[in-house]
């Protein structure tokens, strides 16, 4: 008989999101996301450049070179966010994510918040905060359940 306690669903999915984040190619922050419905994983995503393109390790990070603070000037980044990649993965394989939950290592930015709203995500669970007031305002206008769950690897 084993001595360990079974993790809660939140702990389980956040642990998997952190595991997914280890595939990140971002030089500034590794983020992972898991889209879940009925306690089943539908799609995963991590932040990094589009498939087949050179990673930031090779090209350098323009936002870092310009001293752009976290949460600003997303448009000059070569990479996609974890939430974006999870949504794209689901779309690419024809997986309906409407009404699902997303578990993310970091709170979504405003760009991702808009995508999650339009994708029909009903719950956002994240482990660490992200400084984006617009994201908070946008999500505050929805009925999406938003929860910060403390998690440590």
N, C-alpha and C. Protein backbone atom coordinates (compact mmCIF):
# COMPACT_ATOMS: atom_id res chain seq x y z
N UNK A 1 0.84 -1.18 0.00
CA UNK A 1 0.00 0.00 0.00
C UNK A 1 0.89 1.25 0.00
N UNK A 2 0.52 2.23 -0.79
CA UNK A 2 1.34 3.42 -0.89
C UNK A 2 0.99 4.43 0.21
N UNK A 3 1.97 5.26 0.56
CA UNK A 3 1.81 6.22 1.63
C UNK A 3 1.38 7.60 1.14
N UNK A 4 1.43 7.85 -0.14
CA UNK A 4 1.13 9.18 -0.66
C UNK A 4 -0.37 9.39 -0.81
N UNK A 5 -0.77 10.65 -0.62
CA UNK A 5 -2.18 11.00 -0.81
C UNK A 5 -2.44 11.29 -2.27
N UNK A 6 -3.60 10.94 -2.70
CA UNK A 6 -4.02 11.22 -4.07
C UNK A 6 -4.21 12.73 -4.24
N UNK A 7 -3.68 13.33 -5.30
CA UNK A 7 -3.83 14.78 -5.48
C UNK A 7 -5.26 15.15 -5.85
N UNK A 8 -5.66 16.37 -5.50
CA UNK A 8 -6.96 16.89 -5.95
C UNK A 8 -6.89 17.08 -7.46
N UNK A 9 -8.03 17.29 -8.09
CA UNK A 9 -8.04 17.53 -9.54
C UNK A 9 -7.26 18.79 -9.88
N UNK A 10 -7.42 19.84 -9.08
CA UNK A 10 -6.66 21.08 -9.32
C UNK A 10 -5.16 20.82 -9.25
N UNK A 11 -4.72 20.12 -8.22
CA UNK A 11 -3.29 19.80 -8.08
C UNK A 11 -2.79 18.98 -9.26
N UNK A 12 -3.59 17.99 -9.65
CA UNK A 12 -3.23 17.10 -10.76
C UNK A 12 -3.05 17.88 -12.06
N UNK A 13 -4.05 18.70 -12.42
CA UNK A 13 -3.98 19.42 -13.68
C UNK A 13 -2.94 20.53 -13.66
N UNK A 14 -2.75 21.19 -12.51
CA UNK A 14 -1.70 22.21 -12.44
C UNK A 14 -0.32 21.57 -12.52
N UNK A 15 -0.16 20.42 -11.90
CA UNK A 15 1.14 19.72 -12.01
C UNK A 15 1.44 19.39 -13.47
N UNK A 16 0.42 18.94 -14.18
CA UNK A 16 0.61 18.64 -15.61
C UNK A 16 0.91 19.91 -16.41
N UNK A 17 0.27 21.02 -16.06
CA UNK A 17 0.55 22.28 -16.75
C UNK A 17 2.00 22.70 -16.53
N UNK A 18 2.49 22.53 -15.30
CA UNK A 18 3.90 22.83 -15.03
C UNK A 18 4.83 21.88 -15.80
N UNK A 19 4.43 20.64 -15.93
CA UNK A 19 5.23 19.68 -16.71
C UNK A 19 5.27 20.10 -18.18
N UNK A 20 4.11 20.49 -18.72
CA UNK A 20 4.03 20.95 -20.11
C UNK A 20 4.91 22.19 -20.30
N UNK A 21 4.95 23.07 -19.30
CA UNK A 21 5.75 24.31 -19.42
C UNK A 21 7.23 24.04 -19.62
N UNK A 22 7.68 22.85 -19.26
CA UNK A 22 9.10 22.51 -19.43
C UNK A 22 9.50 22.40 -20.89
N UNK A 23 8.51 22.33 -21.80
CA UNK A 23 8.79 22.30 -23.25
C UNK A 23 8.95 23.72 -23.82
N UNK A 24 8.68 24.73 -23.02
CA UNK A 24 8.75 26.12 -23.47
C UNK A 24 10.12 26.46 -24.03
N UNK A 25 10.12 27.31 -25.05
CA UNK A 25 11.38 27.79 -25.61
C UNK A 25 11.57 29.28 -25.34
N UNK A 26 10.70 29.86 -24.53
CA UNK A 26 10.80 31.28 -24.19
C UNK A 26 11.97 31.51 -23.25
N UNK A 27 12.71 32.57 -23.49
CA UNK A 27 13.87 32.87 -22.65
C UNK A 27 13.48 33.60 -21.37
N UNK A 28 12.27 34.18 -21.32
CA UNK A 28 11.86 35.01 -20.19
C UNK A 28 10.98 34.28 -19.17
N UNK A 29 10.06 33.43 -19.66
CA UNK A 29 9.10 32.80 -18.75
C UNK A 29 8.57 31.53 -19.40
N UNK A 30 8.60 30.44 -18.67
CA UNK A 30 8.04 29.17 -19.17
C UNK A 30 6.61 29.04 -18.65
N UNK A 31 5.65 28.90 -19.57
CA UNK A 31 4.24 28.79 -19.21
C UNK A 31 3.66 27.54 -19.88
N UNK A 32 2.81 26.84 -19.14
CA UNK A 32 2.12 25.67 -19.68
C UNK A 32 0.63 25.81 -19.46
N UNK A 33 -0.16 25.20 -20.34
CA UNK A 33 -1.62 25.25 -20.25
C UNK A 33 -2.20 23.89 -20.62
N UNK A 34 -3.28 23.54 -19.93
CA UNK A 34 -4.01 22.29 -20.19
C UNK A 34 -5.49 22.64 -20.28
N UNK A 35 -6.13 22.28 -21.38
CA UNK A 35 -7.58 22.47 -21.51
C UNK A 35 -8.26 21.16 -21.14
N UNK A 36 -9.22 21.25 -20.22
CA UNK A 36 -9.85 20.07 -19.62
C UNK A 36 -11.36 20.20 -19.68
N UNK A 37 -12.03 19.10 -19.98
CA UNK A 37 -13.49 19.05 -19.92
C UNK A 37 -13.89 17.71 -19.32
N UNK A 38 -14.78 17.74 -18.37
CA UNK A 38 -15.22 16.52 -17.69
C UNK A 38 -14.03 15.71 -17.16
N UNK A 39 -13.05 16.43 -16.64
CA UNK A 39 -11.84 15.83 -16.06
C UNK A 39 -11.00 15.04 -17.07
N UNK A 40 -11.13 15.40 -18.33
CA UNK A 40 -10.34 14.77 -19.40
C UNK A 40 -9.54 15.85 -20.13
N UNK A 41 -8.29 15.57 -20.42
CA UNK A 41 -7.44 16.54 -21.11
C UNK A 41 -7.79 16.56 -22.59
N UNK A 42 -8.09 17.76 -23.09
CA UNK A 42 -8.44 17.93 -24.50
C UNK A 42 -7.26 18.44 -25.32
N UNK A 43 -6.46 19.33 -24.73
CA UNK A 43 -5.34 19.92 -25.47
C UNK A 43 -4.34 20.49 -24.47
N UNK A 44 -3.11 20.63 -24.93
CA UNK A 44 -2.06 21.24 -24.12
C UNK A 44 -1.35 22.30 -24.94
N UNK A 45 -0.65 23.19 -24.27
CA UNK A 45 0.14 24.19 -24.98
C UNK A 45 1.21 24.76 -24.06
N UNK A 46 2.28 25.20 -24.66
CA UNK A 46 3.34 25.90 -23.94
C UNK A 46 3.78 27.07 -24.80
N UNK A 47 4.42 28.05 -24.19
CA UNK A 47 4.82 29.23 -24.96
C UNK A 47 6.10 28.97 -25.74
N UNK A 48 6.10 29.48 -26.97
CA UNK A 48 7.25 29.32 -27.84
C UNK A 48 6.89 29.72 -29.26
N UNK A 49 7.89 29.72 -30.11
CA UNK A 49 7.70 30.15 -31.50
C UNK A 49 6.86 29.12 -32.27
N UNK A 50 6.24 29.55 -33.37
CA UNK A 50 5.48 28.60 -34.19
C UNK A 50 6.36 27.45 -34.69
N UNK A 51 5.72 26.32 -34.91
CA UNK A 51 6.42 25.11 -35.36
C UNK A 51 7.28 25.38 -36.58
N UNK A 52 8.49 24.87 -36.53
CA UNK A 52 9.39 24.96 -37.67
C UNK A 52 10.23 26.23 -37.73
N UNK A 53 9.96 27.20 -36.86
CA UNK A 53 10.75 28.44 -36.85
C UNK A 53 11.88 28.34 -35.84
N UNK A 54 12.88 29.19 -36.04
CA UNK A 54 14.02 29.21 -35.12
C UNK A 54 13.57 29.66 -33.73
N UNK A 55 14.11 29.00 -32.73
CA UNK A 55 13.77 29.34 -31.34
C UNK A 55 14.51 30.61 -30.92
N UNK A 56 13.99 31.21 -29.88
CA UNK A 56 14.57 32.47 -29.37
C UNK A 56 16.00 32.29 -28.87
N UNK A 57 16.36 31.05 -28.50
CA UNK A 57 17.75 30.78 -28.10
C UNK A 57 18.69 31.11 -29.25
N UNK A 58 18.22 30.93 -30.49
CA UNK A 58 19.02 31.19 -31.68
C UNK A 58 18.94 32.64 -32.12
N UNK A 59 17.74 33.22 -32.04
CA UNK A 59 17.53 34.57 -32.58
C UNK A 59 17.68 35.67 -31.55
N UNK A 60 17.58 35.31 -30.27
CA UNK A 60 17.56 36.31 -29.22
C UNK A 60 16.14 36.79 -28.99
N UNK A 61 15.94 37.48 -27.90
CA UNK A 61 14.62 37.98 -27.53
C UNK A 61 14.59 39.50 -27.73
N UNK A 62 13.81 39.95 -28.70
CA UNK A 62 13.73 41.38 -28.99
C UNK A 62 13.18 42.16 -27.80
N UNK A 63 12.19 41.61 -27.12
CA UNK A 63 11.62 42.30 -25.96
C UNK A 63 12.67 42.46 -24.86
N UNK A 64 13.50 41.45 -24.69
CA UNK A 64 14.58 41.53 -23.70
C UNK A 64 15.62 42.57 -24.13
N UNK A 65 15.99 42.54 -25.40
CA UNK A 65 16.99 43.48 -25.92
C UNK A 65 16.53 44.92 -25.78
N UNK A 66 15.22 45.17 -25.95
CA UNK A 66 14.67 46.52 -25.86
C UNK A 66 14.27 46.91 -24.44
N UNK A 67 14.40 45.97 -23.51
CA UNK A 67 14.05 46.25 -22.12
C UNK A 67 12.55 46.41 -21.90
N UNK A 68 11.75 45.71 -22.68
CA UNK A 68 10.30 45.79 -22.57
C UNK A 68 9.85 45.05 -21.31
N UNK A 69 9.10 45.72 -20.43
CA UNK A 69 8.63 45.05 -19.22
C UNK A 69 7.65 43.92 -19.52
N UNK A 70 7.55 43.00 -18.60
CA UNK A 70 6.60 41.90 -18.71
C UNK A 70 5.20 42.45 -18.89
N UNK A 71 4.43 41.83 -19.77
CA UNK A 71 3.04 42.25 -19.99
C UNK A 71 2.86 43.32 -21.04
N UNK A 72 3.93 43.76 -21.68
CA UNK A 72 3.83 44.82 -22.68
C UNK A 72 4.43 44.39 -24.02
N UNK A 73 3.93 44.99 -25.08
CA UNK A 73 4.45 44.82 -26.45
C UNK A 73 4.50 43.36 -26.91
N UNK A 74 3.40 42.64 -26.68
CA UNK A 74 3.32 41.24 -27.10
C UNK A 74 3.52 41.07 -28.61
N UNK A 75 3.17 42.10 -29.36
CA UNK A 75 3.21 41.99 -30.82
C UNK A 75 4.62 41.86 -31.39
N UNK A 76 5.65 42.21 -30.62
CA UNK A 76 7.00 42.09 -31.15
C UNK A 76 7.68 40.79 -30.72
N UNK A 77 6.95 39.95 -30.03
CA UNK A 77 7.48 38.66 -29.59
C UNK A 77 7.30 37.63 -30.71
N UNK A 78 8.29 36.80 -30.93
CA UNK A 78 8.22 35.73 -31.94
C UNK A 78 7.32 34.59 -31.51
N UNK A 79 7.09 34.48 -30.23
CA UNK A 79 6.38 33.32 -29.70
C UNK A 79 4.89 33.50 -29.53
N UNK A 80 4.25 32.36 -29.33
CA UNK A 80 2.83 32.30 -28.96
C UNK A 80 2.76 31.95 -27.49
N UNK A 81 1.68 32.36 -26.86
CA UNK A 81 1.48 32.00 -25.45
C UNK A 81 0.93 30.59 -25.33
N UNK A 82 1.08 30.01 -24.15
CA UNK A 82 0.64 28.64 -23.90
C UNK A 82 -0.85 28.46 -24.20
N UNK A 83 -1.67 29.43 -23.75
CA UNK A 83 -3.11 29.36 -23.98
C UNK A 83 -3.43 29.37 -25.48
N UNK A 84 -2.72 30.22 -26.22
CA UNK A 84 -2.91 30.30 -27.67
C UNK A 84 -2.58 28.97 -28.33
N UNK A 85 -1.46 28.39 -27.94
CA UNK A 85 -1.07 27.10 -28.52
C UNK A 85 -2.04 25.98 -28.17
N UNK A 86 -2.60 26.01 -26.97
CA UNK A 86 -3.58 24.98 -26.58
C UNK A 86 -4.86 25.14 -27.42
N UNK A 87 -5.32 26.37 -27.60
CA UNK A 87 -6.51 26.62 -28.42
C UNK A 87 -6.25 26.21 -29.87
N UNK A 88 -5.09 26.55 -30.39
CA UNK A 88 -4.73 26.19 -31.77
C UNK A 88 -4.65 24.68 -31.93
N UNK A 89 -4.06 24.00 -30.95
CA UNK A 89 -3.97 22.54 -31.01
C UNK A 89 -5.37 21.93 -31.08
N UNK A 90 -6.27 22.41 -30.24
CA UNK A 90 -7.64 21.89 -30.25
C UNK A 90 -8.30 22.15 -31.60
N UNK A 91 -8.15 23.35 -32.14
CA UNK A 91 -8.75 23.68 -33.43
C UNK A 91 -8.17 22.82 -34.55
N UNK A 92 -6.87 22.64 -34.52
CA UNK A 92 -6.19 21.86 -35.56
C UNK A 92 -6.70 20.42 -35.63
N UNK A 93 -7.03 19.86 -34.47
CA UNK A 93 -7.48 18.48 -34.42
C UNK A 93 -8.99 18.34 -34.25
N UNK A 94 -9.72 19.44 -34.41
CA UNK A 94 -11.18 19.39 -34.38
C UNK A 94 -11.78 19.07 -33.03
N UNK A 95 -11.15 19.55 -31.97
CA UNK A 95 -11.62 19.28 -30.61
C UNK A 95 -12.44 20.47 -30.11
N UNK A 96 -13.67 20.20 -29.72
CA UNK A 96 -14.57 21.24 -29.20
C UNK A 96 -14.18 21.56 -27.76
N UNK A 97 -13.78 22.81 -27.50
CA UNK A 97 -13.37 23.19 -26.15
C UNK A 97 -14.40 24.09 -25.46
N UNK A 98 -15.51 24.35 -26.10
CA UNK A 98 -16.53 25.19 -25.48
C UNK A 98 -17.00 24.55 -24.17
N UNK A 99 -17.09 25.38 -23.12
CA UNK A 99 -17.54 24.89 -21.82
C UNK A 99 -16.47 24.20 -21.01
N UNK A 100 -15.23 24.27 -21.45
CA UNK A 100 -14.15 23.58 -20.75
C UNK A 100 -13.43 24.51 -19.77
N UNK A 101 -12.50 23.93 -19.03
CA UNK A 101 -11.65 24.66 -18.10
C UNK A 101 -10.24 24.69 -18.68
N UNK A 102 -9.50 25.72 -18.32
CA UNK A 102 -8.09 25.76 -18.70
C UNK A 102 -7.26 25.95 -17.43
N UNK A 103 -6.25 25.13 -17.28
CA UNK A 103 -5.31 25.21 -16.17
C UNK A 103 -4.02 25.79 -16.74
N UNK A 104 -3.55 26.88 -16.13
CA UNK A 104 -2.39 27.60 -16.65
C UNK A 104 -1.42 27.87 -15.51
N UNK A 105 -0.14 27.77 -15.78
CA UNK A 105 0.84 28.06 -14.75
C UNK A 105 0.83 29.53 -14.37
N UNK A 106 0.46 30.42 -15.31
CA UNK A 106 0.44 31.86 -15.08
C UNK A 106 -0.88 32.44 -15.56
N UNK A 107 -1.40 33.41 -14.84
CA UNK A 107 -2.64 34.10 -15.19
C UNK A 107 -2.57 34.63 -16.62
N UNK A 108 -3.66 34.56 -17.39
CA UNK A 108 -3.60 34.98 -18.79
C UNK A 108 -3.45 36.49 -18.98
N UNK A 109 -2.74 36.86 -20.03
CA UNK A 109 -2.63 38.26 -20.44
C UNK A 109 -3.94 38.67 -21.13
N UNK A 110 -4.04 39.94 -21.50
CA UNK A 110 -5.27 40.42 -22.12
C UNK A 110 -5.51 39.80 -23.50
N UNK A 111 -4.47 39.55 -24.26
CA UNK A 111 -4.64 38.92 -25.57
C UNK A 111 -5.21 37.51 -25.39
N UNK A 112 -4.65 36.75 -24.48
CA UNK A 112 -5.13 35.39 -24.23
C UNK A 112 -6.51 35.40 -23.59
N UNK A 113 -6.77 36.37 -22.72
CA UNK A 113 -8.09 36.48 -22.11
C UNK A 113 -9.16 36.63 -23.18
N UNK A 114 -8.91 37.48 -24.17
CA UNK A 114 -9.88 37.67 -25.26
C UNK A 114 -10.09 36.38 -26.04
N UNK A 115 -9.02 35.64 -26.27
CA UNK A 115 -9.14 34.38 -27.00
C UNK A 115 -9.91 33.34 -26.18
N UNK A 116 -9.63 33.28 -24.89
CA UNK A 116 -10.32 32.32 -24.02
C UNK A 116 -11.81 32.63 -23.94
N UNK A 117 -12.15 33.91 -23.89
CA UNK A 117 -13.55 34.33 -23.87
C UNK A 117 -14.25 33.85 -25.13
N UNK A 118 -13.66 34.14 -26.29
CA UNK A 118 -14.29 33.76 -27.57
C UNK A 118 -14.26 32.26 -27.84
N UNK A 119 -13.35 31.54 -27.21
CA UNK A 119 -13.28 30.09 -27.38
C UNK A 119 -14.35 29.38 -26.54
N UNK A 120 -15.01 30.12 -25.64
CA UNK A 120 -16.06 29.51 -24.84
C UNK A 120 -15.56 28.83 -23.58
N UNK A 121 -14.34 29.17 -23.14
CA UNK A 121 -13.81 28.62 -21.90
C UNK A 121 -14.69 29.12 -20.75
N UNK A 122 -15.05 28.23 -19.84
CA UNK A 122 -15.94 28.59 -18.73
C UNK A 122 -15.22 28.73 -17.40
N UNK A 123 -13.97 28.24 -17.32
CA UNK A 123 -13.22 28.35 -16.07
C UNK A 123 -11.73 28.49 -16.38
N UNK A 124 -11.10 29.42 -15.66
CA UNK A 124 -9.66 29.62 -15.77
C UNK A 124 -9.06 29.39 -14.39
N UNK A 125 -8.13 28.45 -14.31
CA UNK A 125 -7.44 28.15 -13.05
C UNK A 125 -5.96 28.41 -13.30
N UNK A 126 -5.36 29.26 -12.48
CA UNK A 126 -3.94 29.56 -12.66
C UNK A 126 -3.21 29.50 -11.33
N UNK A 127 -1.87 29.35 -11.42
CA UNK A 127 -1.07 29.19 -10.21
C UNK A 127 -0.38 30.48 -9.78
N UNK A 128 0.05 31.30 -10.73
CA UNK A 128 0.76 32.54 -10.39
C UNK A 128 0.13 33.73 -11.12
N UNK A 129 0.11 34.87 -10.44
CA UNK A 129 -0.49 36.09 -10.99
C UNK A 129 0.38 36.67 -12.10
N UNK A 130 -0.27 37.47 -12.95
CA UNK A 130 0.41 38.17 -14.05
C UNK A 130 -0.11 39.59 -14.09
N UNK A 131 0.76 40.59 -14.17
CA UNK A 131 0.33 41.99 -14.06
C UNK A 131 -0.32 42.53 -15.34
N UNK A 132 -1.61 42.29 -15.52
CA UNK A 132 -2.31 42.79 -16.70
C UNK A 132 -3.72 43.24 -16.29
N UNK A 133 -3.87 44.52 -16.05
CA UNK A 133 -5.15 45.08 -15.59
C UNK A 133 -6.24 44.90 -16.63
N UNK A 134 -5.91 45.06 -17.91
CA UNK A 134 -6.92 44.90 -18.96
C UNK A 134 -7.49 43.48 -18.96
N UNK A 135 -6.63 42.49 -18.77
CA UNK A 135 -7.10 41.11 -18.70
C UNK A 135 -8.11 40.96 -17.57
N UNK A 136 -7.79 41.51 -16.40
CA UNK A 136 -8.70 41.44 -15.26
C UNK A 136 -10.04 42.12 -15.57
N UNK A 137 -9.98 43.29 -16.23
CA UNK A 137 -11.20 44.02 -16.59
C UNK A 137 -12.06 43.22 -17.57
N UNK A 138 -11.42 42.69 -18.61
CA UNK A 138 -12.15 41.92 -19.62
C UNK A 138 -12.82 40.70 -19.00
N UNK A 139 -12.05 39.94 -18.25
CA UNK A 139 -12.59 38.72 -17.65
C UNK A 139 -13.65 39.05 -16.60
N UNK A 140 -13.51 40.22 -15.98
CA UNK A 140 -14.49 40.65 -14.99
C UNK A 140 -15.87 40.92 -15.58
N UNK A 141 -15.93 41.15 -16.88
CA UNK A 141 -17.19 41.39 -17.56
C UNK A 141 -17.87 40.11 -18.03
N UNK A 142 -17.26 38.97 -17.76
CA UNK A 142 -17.80 37.68 -18.20
C UNK A 142 -18.30 36.88 -17.01
N UNK A 143 -18.89 35.75 -17.31
CA UNK A 143 -19.29 34.83 -16.24
C UNK A 143 -18.29 33.68 -16.10
N UNK A 144 -17.09 33.86 -16.65
CA UNK A 144 -16.05 32.84 -16.54
C UNK A 144 -15.59 32.78 -15.07
N UNK A 145 -15.54 31.58 -14.54
CA UNK A 145 -15.03 31.37 -13.19
C UNK A 145 -13.51 31.45 -13.25
N UNK A 146 -12.94 32.31 -12.41
CA UNK A 146 -11.48 32.50 -12.39
C UNK A 146 -10.98 32.18 -10.99
N UNK A 147 -10.02 31.27 -10.94
CA UNK A 147 -9.49 30.86 -9.64
C UNK A 147 -7.97 30.83 -9.66
N UNK A 148 -7.38 31.40 -8.62
CA UNK A 148 -5.94 31.26 -8.41
C UNK A 148 -5.76 30.16 -7.38
N UNK A 149 -5.07 29.12 -7.75
CA UNK A 149 -4.84 27.99 -6.87
C UNK A 149 -3.34 27.94 -6.58
N UNK A 150 -2.99 28.09 -5.33
CA UNK A 150 -1.58 28.06 -4.96
C UNK A 150 -1.04 26.66 -5.22
N UNK A 151 0.06 26.62 -5.92
CA UNK A 151 0.66 25.33 -6.26
C UNK A 151 2.17 25.51 -6.24
N UNK A 152 2.86 24.55 -5.68
CA UNK A 152 4.32 24.57 -5.73
C UNK A 152 4.79 23.19 -6.17
N UNK A 153 5.70 23.22 -7.09
CA UNK A 153 6.22 21.96 -7.63
C UNK A 153 7.03 21.21 -6.62
